[in-house]
Amino acid sequence: MIAAQAVLETKMLLRNGEQLLLTVIIPTLLLVLFSSVDIIDTGAEEAVDFLAPGVLALAVMSTAFTGQAIATGFERRYGVLKRLAASPLPRWALMTAKTASVLVTEVLQVVLLTVIAFALGWSPHGNPAAVLLLLVLGTAAFSGLGLLMAGTLRAEATLAAANLVFLLLLVGGGVIVPLDKFPDAARDVLGLLPISALSDGLRDVLQHGASMPWGDLGILAVWAVVGLAAAGKFFRWE
Protein backbone atom coordinates (compact mmCIF):
# COMPACT_ATOMS: atom_id res chain seq x y z
CA MET A 1 0.00 0.00 0.00
CA ILE A 2 2.82 2.38 0.84
CA ALA A 3 4.56 1.69 -2.48
CA ALA A 4 1.36 2.19 -4.46
CA GLN A 5 0.60 5.45 -2.66
CA ALA A 6 4.20 6.64 -3.15
CA VAL A 7 3.95 6.00 -6.90
CA LEU A 8 0.67 7.92 -7.02
CA GLU A 9 2.09 10.83 -5.02
CA THR A 10 5.14 11.00 -7.31
CA LYS A 11 2.99 11.00 -10.47
CA MET A 12 0.77 13.74 -9.08
CA LEU A 13 3.80 15.83 -8.14
CA LEU A 14 5.47 15.50 -11.53
CA ARG A 15 2.23 16.20 -13.42
CA ASN A 16 1.63 19.46 -11.57
CA GLY A 17 2.96 22.26 -13.77
CA GLU A 18 3.45 24.75 -10.94
CA GLN A 19 5.33 22.25 -8.81
CA LEU A 20 7.42 21.16 -11.78
CA LEU A 21 8.38 24.80 -12.29
CA LEU A 22 9.57 25.05 -8.69
CA THR A 23 11.29 21.69 -8.46
CA VAL A 24 13.02 21.44 -11.83
CA ILE A 25 12.84 24.47 -14.08
CA ILE A 26 13.75 27.27 -11.65
CA PRO A 27 16.85 25.53 -10.17
CA THR A 28 18.00 24.56 -13.66
CA LEU A 29 17.59 28.09 -15.02
CA LEU A 30 19.39 29.60 -12.03
CA LEU A 31 22.29 27.18 -12.41
CA VAL A 32 22.68 27.80 -16.14
CA LEU A 33 22.14 31.57 -15.99
CA PHE A 34 24.45 32.45 -13.10
CA SER A 35 27.11 29.98 -14.23
CA SER A 36 27.17 31.44 -17.74
CA VAL A 37 26.77 35.16 -17.00
CA ASP A 38 29.12 36.99 -14.63
CA ILE A 39 26.50 38.78 -12.55
CA ILE A 40 27.47 37.95 -8.96
CA ASP A 41 30.96 37.68 -7.53
CA THR A 42 30.94 34.20 -6.00
CA GLY A 43 34.60 34.26 -5.00
CA ALA A 44 35.27 31.00 -6.87
CA GLU A 45 37.46 30.46 -9.90
CA GLU A 46 34.51 28.84 -11.65
CA ALA A 47 31.06 30.18 -10.74
CA VAL A 48 29.50 26.75 -11.18
CA ASP A 49 31.68 25.36 -8.36
CA PHE A 50 29.97 27.77 -5.97
CA LEU A 51 26.51 27.64 -7.53
CA ALA A 52 26.00 23.89 -8.00
CA PRO A 53 25.89 23.00 -4.26
CA GLY A 54 23.55 25.91 -3.56
CA VAL A 55 21.22 24.94 -6.38
CA LEU A 56 21.16 21.35 -5.11
CA ALA A 57 20.09 22.73 -1.71
CA LEU A 58 17.45 24.86 -3.43
CA ALA A 59 16.11 21.78 -5.23
CA VAL A 60 15.71 19.97 -1.91
CA MET A 61 13.88 22.93 -0.41
CA SER A 62 11.60 23.36 -3.43
CA THR A 63 10.44 19.74 -3.24
CA ALA A 64 10.51 18.87 0.46
CA PHE A 65 9.20 22.24 1.70
CA THR A 66 7.47 24.38 -0.92
CA GLY A 67 6.02 21.68 -3.16
CA GLN A 68 4.99 19.39 -0.33
CA ALA A 69 3.46 22.20 1.73
CA ILE A 70 1.31 23.47 -1.14
CA ALA A 71 0.18 20.04 -2.34
CA THR A 72 -0.61 18.79 1.18
CA GLY A 73 -2.37 22.04 2.08
CA PHE A 74 -4.82 21.74 -0.81
CA GLU A 75 -5.30 18.01 -0.20
CA ARG A 76 -6.30 18.92 3.33
CA ARG A 77 -8.64 21.66 2.13
CA TYR A 78 -10.47 19.44 -0.38
CA GLY A 79 -10.88 16.61 2.12
CA VAL A 80 -8.44 14.25 0.42
CA LEU A 81 -6.42 13.70 3.59
CA LYS A 82 -9.57 13.10 5.61
CA ARG A 83 -10.72 10.39 3.19
CA LEU A 84 -7.27 8.81 3.01
CA ALA A 85 -7.10 8.79 6.81
CA ALA A 86 -10.31 6.73 6.85
CA SER A 87 -8.93 4.23 4.31
CA PRO A 88 -7.02 1.02 5.16
CA LEU A 89 -3.82 3.04 4.67
CA PRO A 90 -2.65 4.16 8.14
CA ARG A 91 -1.80 7.81 8.64
CA TRP A 92 1.86 7.02 9.32
CA ALA A 93 1.95 5.03 6.07
CA LEU A 94 0.50 7.98 4.15
CA MET A 95 3.23 10.27 5.50
CA THR A 96 5.81 7.60 4.68
CA ALA A 97 4.52 7.47 1.11
CA LYS A 98 4.71 11.26 0.83
CA THR A 99 8.28 11.17 2.12
CA ALA A 100 9.18 8.46 -0.40
CA SER A 101 7.66 10.57 -3.17
CA VAL A 102 9.79 13.53 -2.10
CA LEU A 103 12.94 11.39 -2.08
CA VAL A 104 12.23 9.98 -5.55
CA THR A 105 11.68 13.47 -6.92
CA GLU A 106 14.87 14.70 -5.28
CA VAL A 107 16.89 11.87 -6.82
CA LEU A 108 15.64 12.93 -10.25
CA GLN A 109 16.48 16.56 -9.47
CA VAL A 110 19.97 15.76 -8.23
CA VAL A 111 20.75 13.61 -11.26
CA LEU A 112 19.50 16.27 -13.69
CA LEU A 113 21.28 19.17 -11.97
CA THR A 114 24.50 17.18 -11.60
CA VAL A 115 24.56 16.37 -15.32
CA ILE A 116 23.97 20.02 -16.20
CA ALA A 117 26.61 21.19 -13.72
CA PHE A 118 29.18 18.77 -15.18
CA ALA A 119 28.34 20.10 -18.65
CA LEU A 120 29.06 23.61 -17.33
CA GLY A 121 32.48 22.56 -16.01
CA TRP A 122 31.73 21.62 -12.41
CA SER A 123 34.56 19.85 -10.55
CA PRO A 124 33.17 18.46 -7.25
CA HIS A 125 35.31 17.03 -4.44
CA GLY A 126 34.74 15.56 -1.01
CA ASN A 127 33.03 12.67 0.71
CA PRO A 128 29.86 11.28 -0.98
CA ALA A 129 28.62 9.98 2.38
CA ALA A 130 28.68 13.52 3.78
CA VAL A 131 26.70 14.77 0.78
CA LEU A 132 24.10 12.03 1.25
CA LEU A 133 23.78 12.77 4.97
CA LEU A 134 23.35 16.49 4.29
CA LEU A 135 20.65 15.81 1.70
CA VAL A 136 18.78 13.41 4.00
CA LEU A 137 18.86 15.77 6.99
CA GLY A 138 17.93 18.69 4.75
CA THR A 139 14.97 16.74 3.41
CA ALA A 140 13.83 15.86 6.93
CA ALA A 141 14.14 19.47 8.09
CA PHE A 142 12.23 20.95 5.15
CA SER A 143 9.61 18.18 5.18
CA GLY A 144 8.82 18.85 8.82
CA LEU A 145 8.46 22.58 8.20
CA GLY A 146 6.38 22.02 5.07
CA LEU A 147 3.99 19.60 6.79
CA LEU A 148 3.73 21.95 9.77
CA MET A 149 2.70 24.80 7.49
CA ALA A 150 0.28 22.64 5.47
CA GLY A 151 -1.32 21.18 8.59
CA THR A 152 -1.93 24.44 10.43
CA LEU A 153 -2.67 27.13 7.82
CA ARG A 154 -5.44 27.45 5.26
CA ALA A 155 -4.53 26.25 1.77
CA GLU A 156 -4.45 29.77 0.31
CA ALA A 157 -2.28 31.00 3.15
CA THR A 158 0.02 28.01 2.70
CA LEU A 159 0.34 28.76 -1.02
CA ALA A 160 1.29 32.39 -0.38
CA ALA A 161 3.55 31.72 2.60
CA ALA A 162 5.40 28.80 1.00
CA ASN A 163 6.19 30.77 -2.15
CA LEU A 164 7.21 33.84 -0.14
CA VAL A 165 9.54 31.77 2.04
CA PHE A 166 10.99 30.14 -1.08
CA LEU A 167 11.84 33.53 -2.58
CA LEU A 168 13.25 34.95 0.66
CA LEU A 169 15.47 31.93 1.29
CA LEU A 170 16.57 31.91 -2.34
CA VAL A 171 17.92 35.43 -1.87
CA GLY A 172 19.12 35.25 1.73
CA GLY A 173 20.08 31.61 2.15
CA GLY A 174 23.47 31.57 0.49
CA VAL A 175 22.15 29.79 -2.60
CA ILE A 176 23.12 32.39 -5.21
CA VAL A 177 24.55 35.25 -3.15
CA PRO A 178 27.40 34.32 -0.75
CA LEU A 179 26.55 34.96 2.89
CA ASP A 180 29.72 37.03 3.31
CA LYS A 181 28.09 39.69 1.12
CA PHE A 182 25.62 40.41 3.94
CA PRO A 183 26.32 42.52 7.08
CA ASP A 184 27.85 40.63 10.00
CA ALA A 185 24.69 40.74 12.14
CA ALA A 186 22.51 39.49 9.31
CA ARG A 187 25.04 36.82 8.33
CA ASP A 188 25.02 35.36 11.85
CA VAL A 189 21.24 34.97 11.75
CA LEU A 190 21.04 33.75 8.15
CA GLY A 191 23.69 31.12 8.86
CA LEU A 192 21.27 29.38 11.23
CA LEU A 193 18.61 28.84 8.55
CA PRO A 194 18.23 25.30 7.18
CA ILE A 195 18.81 26.40 3.58
CA SER A 196 22.04 28.16 4.62
CA ALA A 197 23.25 25.14 6.56
CA LEU A 198 22.46 22.81 3.65
CA SER A 199 23.99 24.99 0.94
CA ASP A 200 27.08 25.81 3.03
CA GLY A 201 27.52 22.19 4.06
CA LEU A 202 27.29 20.97 0.48
CA ARG A 203 29.66 23.71 -0.60
CA ASP A 204 32.20 22.83 2.09
CA VAL A 205 32.21 19.22 0.91
CA LEU A 206 31.85 19.55 -2.85
CA GLN A 207 33.86 22.73 -3.40
CA HIS A 208 36.40 22.69 -0.58
CA GLY A 209 36.70 18.93 -0.01
CA ALA A 210 35.66 18.91 3.67
CA SER A 211 35.18 15.45 5.15
CA MET A 212 32.14 16.08 7.37
CA PRO A 213 30.63 19.55 8.08
CA TRP A 214 29.48 18.81 11.62
CA GLY A 215 28.27 22.33 12.36
CA ASP A 216 25.93 22.43 9.38
CA LEU A 217 24.78 18.87 10.07
CA GLY A 218 23.97 19.89 13.65
CA ILE A 219 21.86 22.84 12.51
CA LEU A 220 19.94 20.64 10.05
CA ALA A 221 19.42 17.97 12.70
CA VAL A 222 17.92 20.52 15.11
CA TRP A 223 15.58 21.86 12.42
CA ALA A 224 14.58 18.31 11.47
CA VAL A 225 13.75 17.29 15.04
CA VAL A 226 11.88 20.50 15.84
CA GLY A 227 10.01 20.62 12.52
CA LEU A 228 8.93 16.98 12.49
CA ALA A 229 7.94 17.06 16.17
CA ALA A 230 5.89 20.23 15.69
CA ALA A 231 4.25 18.81 12.56
CA GLY A 232 3.35 15.61 14.40
CA LYS A 233 1.83 17.58 17.28
CA PHE A 234 -0.04 20.35 15.46
CA PHE A 235 -0.93 18.82 12.06
CA ARG A 236 -4.70 18.88 11.48
CA TRP A 237 -6.13 16.39 9.00
CA GLU A 238 -9.24 18.43 8.21
C-alpha atoms as a PDB file:
ATOM      1  CA  MET A   1       0.000   0.000   0.000  1.00  0.00           C
ATOM      2  CA  ILE A   2       2.815   2.380   0.839  1.00  0.00           C
ATOM      3  CA  ALA A   3       4.564   1.688  -2.477  1.00  0.00           C
ATOM      4  CA  ALA A   4       1.355   2.191  -4.460  1.00  0.00           C
ATOM      5  CA  GLN A   5       0.600   5.450  -2.661  1.00  0.00           C
ATOM      6  CA  ALA A   6       4.197   6.641  -3.146  1.00  0.00           C
ATOM      7  CA  VAL A   7       3.951   6.002  -6.899  1.00  0.00           C
ATOM      8  CA  LEU A   8       0.665   7.918  -7.021  1.00  0.00           C
ATOM      9  CA  GLU A   9       2.093  10.830  -5.016  1.00  0.00           C
ATOM     10  CA  THR A  10       5.137  10.997  -7.312  1.00  0.00           C
ATOM     11  CA  LYS A  11       2.993  10.998 -10.467  1.00  0.00           C
ATOM     12  CA  MET A  12       0.768  13.744  -9.080  1.00  0.00           C
ATOM     13  CA  LEU A  13       3.797  15.832  -8.135  1.00  0.00           C
ATOM     14  CA  LEU A  14       5.472  15.502 -11.526  1.00  0.00           C
ATOM     15  CA  ARG A  15       2.228  16.198 -13.425  1.00  0.00           C
ATOM     16  CA  ASN A  16       1.631  19.459 -11.575  1.00  0.00           C
ATOM     17  CA  GLY A  17       2.961  22.260 -13.770  1.00  0.00           C
ATOM     18  CA  GLU A  18       3.451  24.747 -10.938  1.00  0.00           C
ATOM     19  CA  GLN A  19       5.333  22.245  -8.808  1.00  0.00           C
ATOM     20  CA  LEU A  20       7.421  21.156 -11.780  1.00  0.00           C
ATOM     21  CA  LEU A  21       8.379  24.799 -12.292  1.00  0.00           C
ATOM     22  CA  LEU A  22       9.569  25.045  -8.689  1.00  0.00           C
ATOM     23  CA  THR A  23      11.293  21.693  -8.461  1.00  0.00           C
ATOM     24  CA  VAL A  24      13.019  21.441 -11.833  1.00  0.00           C
ATOM     25  CA  ILE A  25      12.844  24.473 -14.084  1.00  0.00           C
ATOM     26  CA  ILE A  26      13.751  27.269 -11.648  1.00  0.00           C
ATOM     27  CA  PRO A  27      16.849  25.526 -10.168  1.00  0.00           C
ATOM     28  CA  THR A  28      18.000  24.564 -13.664  1.00  0.00           C
ATOM     29  CA  LEU A  29      17.594  28.088 -15.017  1.00  0.00           C
ATOM     30  CA  LEU A  30      19.391  29.602 -12.032  1.00  0.00           C
ATOM     31  CA  LEU A  31      22.292  27.175 -12.408  1.00  0.00           C
ATOM     32  CA  VAL A  32      22.681  27.798 -16.142  1.00  0.00           C
ATOM     33  CA  LEU A  33      22.142  31.574 -15.990  1.00  0.00           C
ATOM     34  CA  PHE A  34      24.448  32.453 -13.098  1.00  0.00           C
ATOM     35  CA  SER A  35      27.111  29.984 -14.232  1.00  0.00           C
ATOM     36  CA  SER A  36      27.166  31.442 -17.735  1.00  0.00           C
ATOM     37  CA  VAL A  37      26.774  35.159 -17.002  1.00  0.00           C
ATOM     38  CA  ASP A  38      29.123  36.994 -14.627  1.00  0.00           C
ATOM     39  CA  ILE A  39      26.495  38.780 -12.546  1.00  0.00           C
ATOM     40  CA  ILE A  40      27.468  37.948  -8.958  1.00  0.00           C
ATOM     41  CA  ASP A  41      30.964  37.685  -7.526  1.00  0.00           C
ATOM     42  CA  THR A  42      30.943  34.202  -5.995  1.00  0.00           C
ATOM     43  CA  GLY A  43      34.595  34.260  -4.999  1.00  0.00           C
ATOM     44  CA  ALA A  44      35.272  31.004  -6.869  1.00  0.00           C
ATOM     45  CA  GLU A  45      37.461  30.457  -9.905  1.00  0.00           C
ATOM     46  CA  GLU A  46      34.514  28.841 -11.648  1.00  0.00           C
ATOM     47  CA  ALA A  47      31.065  30.178 -10.736  1.00  0.00           C
ATOM     48  CA  VAL A  48      29.505  26.749 -11.184  1.00  0.00           C
ATOM     49  CA  ASP A  49      31.678  25.357  -8.361  1.00  0.00           C
ATOM     50  CA  PHE A  50      29.969  27.772  -5.965  1.00  0.00           C
ATOM     51  CA  LEU A  51      26.508  27.636  -7.527  1.00  0.00           C
ATOM     52  CA  ALA A  52      26.001  23.886  -8.005  1.00  0.00           C
ATOM     53  CA  PRO A  53      25.889  23.000  -4.257  1.00  0.00           C
ATOM     54  CA  GLY A  54      23.555  25.908  -3.561  1.00  0.00           C
ATOM     55  CA  VAL A  55      21.224  24.940  -6.377  1.00  0.00           C
ATOM     56  CA  LEU A  56      21.157  21.349  -5.108  1.00  0.00           C
ATOM     57  CA  ALA A  57      20.092  22.727  -1.713  1.00  0.00           C
ATOM     58  CA  LEU A  58      17.449  24.861  -3.430  1.00  0.00           C
ATOM     59  CA  ALA A  59      16.112  21.785  -5.230  1.00  0.00           C
ATOM     60  CA  VAL A  60      15.711  19.966  -1.909  1.00  0.00           C
ATOM     61  CA  MET A  61      13.876  22.929  -0.411  1.00  0.00           C
ATOM     62  CA  SER A  62      11.598  23.358  -3.428  1.00  0.00           C
ATOM     63  CA  THR A  63      10.441  19.736  -3.244  1.00  0.00           C
ATOM     64  CA  ALA A  64      10.508  18.872   0.460  1.00  0.00           C
ATOM     65  CA  PHE A  65       9.203  22.239   1.700  1.00  0.00           C
ATOM     66  CA  THR A  66       7.469  24.378  -0.923  1.00  0.00           C
ATOM     67  CA  GLY A  67       6.018  21.685  -3.161  1.00  0.00           C
ATOM     68  CA  GLN A  68       4.989  19.387  -0.327  1.00  0.00           C
ATOM     69  CA  ALA A  69       3.459  22.198   1.732  1.00  0.00           C
ATOM     70  CA  ILE A  70       1.314  23.470  -1.142  1.00  0.00           C
ATOM     71  CA  ALA A  71       0.182  20.044  -2.337  1.00  0.00           C
ATOM     72  CA  THR A  72      -0.612  18.785   1.178  1.00  0.00           C
ATOM     73  CA  GLY A  73      -2.375  22.037   2.084  1.00  0.00           C
ATOM     74  CA  PHE A  74      -4.818  21.737  -0.813  1.00  0.00           C
ATOM     75  CA  GLU A  75      -5.305  18.014  -0.204  1.00  0.00           C
ATOM     76  CA  ARG A  76      -6.303  18.924   3.330  1.00  0.00           C
ATOM     77  CA  ARG A  77      -8.643  21.662   2.127  1.00  0.00           C
ATOM     78  CA  TYR A  78     -10.468  19.441  -0.378  1.00  0.00           C
ATOM     79  CA  GLY A  79     -10.880  16.611   2.125  1.00  0.00           C
ATOM     80  CA  VAL A  80      -8.443  14.245   0.416  1.00  0.00           C
ATOM     81  CA  LEU A  81      -6.420  13.701   3.587  1.00  0.00           C
ATOM     82  CA  LYS A  82      -9.574  13.097   5.610  1.00  0.00           C
ATOM     83  CA  ARG A  83     -10.715  10.391   3.189  1.00  0.00           C
ATOM     84  CA  LEU A  84      -7.270   8.806   3.014  1.00  0.00           C
ATOM     85  CA  ALA A  85      -7.103   8.793   6.809  1.00  0.00           C
ATOM     86  CA  ALA A  86     -10.314   6.735   6.847  1.00  0.00           C
ATOM     87  CA  SER A  87      -8.930   4.233   4.312  1.00  0.00           C
ATOM     88  CA  PRO A  88      -7.020   1.019   5.159  1.00  0.00           C
ATOM     89  CA  LEU A  89      -3.825   3.037   4.665  1.00  0.00           C
ATOM     90  CA  PRO A  90      -2.653   4.158   8.141  1.00  0.00           C
ATOM     91  CA  ARG A  91      -1.795   7.807   8.637  1.00  0.00           C
ATOM     92  CA  TRP A  92       1.856   7.021   9.317  1.00  0.00           C
ATOM     93  CA  ALA A  93       1.950   5.026   6.069  1.00  0.00           C
ATOM     94  CA  LEU A  94       0.501   7.977   4.149  1.00  0.00           C
ATOM     95  CA  MET A  95       3.226  10.267   5.503  1.00  0.00           C
ATOM     96  CA  THR A  96       5.810   7.600   4.682  1.00  0.00           C
ATOM     97  CA  ALA A  97       4.515   7.469   1.107  1.00  0.00           C
ATOM     98  CA  LYS A  98       4.708  11.256   0.833  1.00  0.00           C
ATOM     99  CA  THR A  99       8.281  11.166   2.117  1.00  0.00           C
ATOM    100  CA  ALA A 100       9.181   8.460  -0.395  1.00  0.00           C
ATOM    101  CA  SER A 101       7.664  10.565  -3.172  1.00  0.00           C
ATOM    102  CA  VAL A 102       9.785  13.528  -2.100  1.00  0.00           C
ATOM    103  CA  LEU A 103      12.938  11.394  -2.076  1.00  0.00           C
ATOM    104  CA  VAL A 104      12.230   9.978  -5.551  1.00  0.00           C
ATOM    105  CA  THR A 105      11.685  13.471  -6.922  1.00  0.00           C
ATOM    106  CA  GLU A 106      14.872  14.702  -5.279  1.00  0.00           C
ATOM    107  CA  VAL A 107      16.892  11.871  -6.818  1.00  0.00           C
ATOM    108  CA  LEU A 108      15.635  12.926 -10.253  1.00  0.00           C
ATOM    109  CA  GLN A 109      16.479  16.559  -9.474  1.00  0.00           C
ATOM    110  CA  VAL A 110      19.974  15.760  -8.228  1.00  0.00           C
ATOM    111  CA  VAL A 111      20.750  13.612 -11.264  1.00  0.00           C
ATOM    112  CA  LEU A 112      19.504  16.274 -13.686  1.00  0.00           C
ATOM    113  CA  LEU A 113      21.282  19.168 -11.973  1.00  0.00           C
ATOM    114  CA  THR A 114      24.498  17.185 -11.598  1.00  0.00           C
ATOM    115  CA  VAL A 115      24.555  16.365 -15.321  1.00  0.00           C
ATOM    116  CA  ILE A 116      23.966  20.025 -16.197  1.00  0.00           C
ATOM    117  CA  ALA A 117      26.615  21.191 -13.721  1.00  0.00           C
ATOM    118  CA  PHE A 118      29.176  18.767 -15.176  1.00  0.00           C
ATOM    119  CA  ALA A 119      28.344  20.097 -18.652  1.00  0.00           C
ATOM    120  CA  LEU A 120      29.055  23.608 -17.334  1.00  0.00           C
ATOM    121  CA  GLY A 121      32.476  22.556 -16.014  1.00  0.00           C
ATOM    122  CA  TRP A 122      31.731  21.617 -12.411  1.00  0.00           C
ATOM    123  CA  SER A 123      34.558  19.845 -10.545  1.00  0.00           C
ATOM    124  CA  PRO A 124      33.170  18.460  -7.255  1.00  0.00           C
ATOM    125  CA  HIS A 125      35.313  17.029  -4.443  1.00  0.00           C
ATOM    126  CA  GLY A 126      34.743  15.556  -1.011  1.00  0.00           C
ATOM    127  CA  ASN A 127      33.027  12.665   0.707  1.00  0.00           C
ATOM    128  CA  PRO A 128      29.860  11.284  -0.984  1.00  0.00           C
ATOM    129  CA  ALA A 129      28.619   9.983   2.381  1.00  0.00           C
ATOM    130  CA  ALA A 130      28.683  13.521   3.776  1.00  0.00           C
ATOM    131  CA  VAL A 131      26.698  14.768   0.776  1.00  0.00           C
ATOM    132  CA  LEU A 132      24.100  12.033   1.251  1.00  0.00           C
ATOM    133  CA  LEU A 133      23.783  12.771   4.969  1.00  0.00           C
ATOM    134  CA  LEU A 134      23.345  16.493   4.295  1.00  0.00           C
ATOM    135  CA  LEU A 135      20.645  15.812   1.705  1.00  0.00           C
ATOM    136  CA  VAL A 136      18.776  13.410   3.996  1.00  0.00           C
ATOM    137  CA  LEU A 137      18.858  15.770   6.986  1.00  0.00           C
ATOM    138  CA  GLY A 138      17.928  18.694   4.754  1.00  0.00           C
ATOM    139  CA  THR A 139      14.965  16.737   3.407  1.00  0.00           C
ATOM    140  CA  ALA A 140      13.831  15.860   6.933  1.00  0.00           C
ATOM    141  CA  ALA A 141      14.137  19.470   8.089  1.00  0.00           C
ATOM    142  CA  PHE A 142      12.228  20.946   5.153  1.00  0.00           C
ATOM    143  CA  SER A 143       9.611  18.179   5.175  1.00  0.00           C
ATOM    144  CA  GLY A 144       8.824  18.847   8.815  1.00  0.00           C
ATOM    145  CA  LEU A 145       8.463  22.576   8.198  1.00  0.00           C
ATOM    146  CA  GLY A 146       6.384  22.017   5.072  1.00  0.00           C
ATOM    147  CA  LEU A 147       3.993  19.604   6.792  1.00  0.00           C
ATOM    148  CA  LEU A 148       3.730  21.949   9.774  1.00  0.00           C
ATOM    149  CA  MET A 149       2.697  24.795   7.491  1.00  0.00           C
ATOM    150  CA  ALA A 150       0.281  22.642   5.470  1.00  0.00           C
ATOM    151  CA  GLY A 151      -1.323  21.178   8.586  1.00  0.00           C
ATOM    152  CA  THR A 152      -1.928  24.435  10.435  1.00  0.00           C
ATOM    153  CA  LEU A 153      -2.669  27.130   7.821  1.00  0.00           C
ATOM    154  CA  ARG A 154      -5.442  27.446   5.264  1.00  0.00           C
ATOM    155  CA  ALA A 155      -4.525  26.248   1.774  1.00  0.00           C
ATOM    156  CA  GLU A 156      -4.451  29.767   0.311  1.00  0.00           C
ATOM    157  CA  ALA A 157      -2.276  31.001   3.152  1.00  0.00           C
ATOM    158  CA  THR A 158       0.024  28.010   2.700  1.00  0.00           C
ATOM    159  CA  LEU A 159       0.336  28.764  -1.016  1.00  0.00           C
ATOM    160  CA  ALA A 160       1.288  32.388  -0.384  1.00  0.00           C
ATOM    161  CA  ALA A 161       3.547  31.715   2.597  1.00  0.00           C
ATOM    162  CA  ALA A 162       5.402  28.798   1.000  1.00  0.00           C
ATOM    163  CA  ASN A 163       6.187  30.768  -2.155  1.00  0.00           C
ATOM    164  CA  LEU A 164       7.213  33.836  -0.141  1.00  0.00           C
ATOM    165  CA  VAL A 165       9.543  31.772   2.044  1.00  0.00           C
ATOM    166  CA  PHE A 166      10.994  30.138  -1.076  1.00  0.00           C
ATOM    167  CA  LEU A 167      11.841  33.534  -2.582  1.00  0.00           C
ATOM    168  CA  LEU A 168      13.248  34.949   0.657  1.00  0.00           C
ATOM    169  CA  LEU A 169      15.467  31.929   1.289  1.00  0.00           C
ATOM    170  CA  LEU A 170      16.572  31.906  -2.342  1.00  0.00           C
ATOM    171  CA  VAL A 171      17.915  35.430  -1.872  1.00  0.00           C
ATOM    172  CA  GLY A 172      19.123  35.250   1.729  1.00  0.00           C
ATOM    173  CA  GLY A 173      20.077  31.607   2.154  1.00  0.00           C
ATOM    174  CA  GLY A 174      23.465  31.565   0.495  1.00  0.00           C
ATOM    175  CA  VAL A 175      22.151  29.792  -2.604  1.00  0.00           C
ATOM    176  CA  ILE A 176      23.117  32.388  -5.210  1.00  0.00           C
ATOM    177  CA  VAL A 177      24.545  35.254  -3.148  1.00  0.00           C
ATOM    178  CA  PRO A 178      27.403  34.317  -0.748  1.00  0.00           C
ATOM    179  CA  LEU A 179      26.553  34.964   2.891  1.00  0.00           C
ATOM    180  CA  ASP A 180      29.722  37.030   3.312  1.00  0.00           C
ATOM    181  CA  LYS A 181      28.088  39.688   1.120  1.00  0.00           C
ATOM    182  CA  PHE A 182      25.619  40.408   3.940  1.00  0.00           C
ATOM    183  CA  PRO A 183      26.323  42.523   7.076  1.00  0.00           C
ATOM    184  CA  ASP A 184      27.850  40.631   9.997  1.00  0.00           C
ATOM    185  CA  ALA A 185      24.693  40.745  12.141  1.00  0.00           C
ATOM    186  CA  ALA A 186      22.506  39.489   9.310  1.00  0.00           C
ATOM    187  CA  ARG A 187      25.037  36.818   8.332  1.00  0.00           C
ATOM    188  CA  ASP A 188      25.024  35.356  11.850  1.00  0.00           C
ATOM    189  CA  VAL A 189      21.237  34.968  11.747  1.00  0.00           C
ATOM    190  CA  LEU A 190      21.040  33.753   8.146  1.00  0.00           C
ATOM    191  CA  GLY A 191      23.692  31.118   8.855  1.00  0.00           C
ATOM    192  CA  LEU A 192      21.270  29.375  11.226  1.00  0.00           C
ATOM    193  CA  LEU A 193      18.608  28.844   8.546  1.00  0.00           C
ATOM    194  CA  PRO A 194      18.228  25.302   7.177  1.00  0.00           C
ATOM    195  CA  ILE A 195      18.811  26.403   3.583  1.00  0.00           C
ATOM    196  CA  SER A 196      22.042  28.164   4.615  1.00  0.00           C
ATOM    197  CA  ALA A 197      23.250  25.137   6.562  1.00  0.00           C
ATOM    198  CA  LEU A 198      22.459  22.812   3.651  1.00  0.00           C
ATOM    199  CA  SER A 199      23.993  24.991   0.935  1.00  0.00           C
ATOM    200  CA  ASP A 200      27.083  25.813   3.029  1.00  0.00           C
ATOM    201  CA  GLY A 201      27.522  22.194   4.056  1.00  0.00           C
ATOM    202  CA  LEU A 202      27.285  20.968   0.480  1.00  0.00           C
ATOM    203  CA  ARG A 203      29.663  23.707  -0.602  1.00  0.00           C
ATOM    204  CA  ASP A 204      32.202  22.830   2.094  1.00  0.00           C
ATOM    205  CA  VAL A 205      32.208  19.216   0.910  1.00  0.00           C
ATOM    206  CA  LEU A 206      31.846  19.550  -2.852  1.00  0.00           C
ATOM    207  CA  GLN A 207      33.861  22.732  -3.404  1.00  0.00           C
ATOM    208  CA  HIS A 208      36.403  22.686  -0.583  1.00  0.00           C
ATOM    209  CA  GLY A 209      36.701  18.927  -0.007  1.00  0.00           C
ATOM    210  CA  ALA A 210      35.664  18.911   3.675  1.00  0.00           C
ATOM    211  CA  SER A 211      35.181  15.451   5.146  1.00  0.00           C
ATOM    212  CA  MET A 212      32.139  16.081   7.370  1.00  0.00           C
ATOM    213  CA  PRO A 213      30.632  19.555   8.079  1.00  0.00           C
ATOM    214  CA  TRP A 214      29.477  18.813  11.618  1.00  0.00           C
ATOM    215  CA  GLY A 215      28.274  22.333  12.360  1.00  0.00           C
ATOM    216  CA  ASP A 216      25.925  22.433   9.377  1.00  0.00           C
ATOM    217  CA  LEU A 217      24.782  18.874  10.071  1.00  0.00           C
ATOM    218  CA  GLY A 218      23.967  19.886  13.647  1.00  0.00           C
ATOM    219  CA  ILE A 219      21.864  22.839  12.507  1.00  0.00           C
ATOM    220  CA  LEU A 220      19.941  20.644  10.055  1.00  0.00           C
ATOM    221  CA  ALA A 221      19.416  17.969  12.703  1.00  0.00           C
ATOM    222  CA  VAL A 222      17.923  20.523  15.107  1.00  0.00           C
ATOM    223  CA  TRP A 223      15.578  21.863  12.420  1.00  0.00           C
ATOM    224  CA  ALA A 224      14.585  18.307  11.466  1.00  0.00           C
ATOM    225  CA  VAL A 225      13.753  17.291  15.037  1.00  0.00           C
ATOM    226  CA  VAL A 226      11.877  20.504  15.840  1.00  0.00           C
ATOM    227  CA  GLY A 227      10.012  20.624  12.517  1.00  0.00           C
ATOM    228  CA  LEU A 228       8.928  16.980  12.493  1.00  0.00           C
ATOM    229  CA  ALA A 229       7.944  17.058  16.174  1.00  0.00           C
ATOM    230  CA  ALA A 230       5.886  20.228  15.693  1.00  0.00           C
ATOM    231  CA  ALA A 231       4.252  18.810  12.560  1.00  0.00           C
ATOM    232  CA  GLY A 232       3.355  15.614  14.399  1.00  0.00           C
ATOM    233  CA  LYS A 233       1.827  17.582  17.279  1.00  0.00           C
ATOM    234  CA  PHE A 234      -0.038  20.345  15.460  1.00  0.00           C
ATOM    235  CA  PHE A 235      -0.930  18.817  12.061  1.00  0.00           C
ATOM    236  CA  ARG A 236      -4.701  18.878  11.475  1.00  0.00           C
ATOM    237  CA  TRP A 237      -6.130  16.387   8.999  1.00  0.00           C
ATOM    238  CA  GLU A 238      -9.239  18.434   8.210  1.00  0.00           C
END
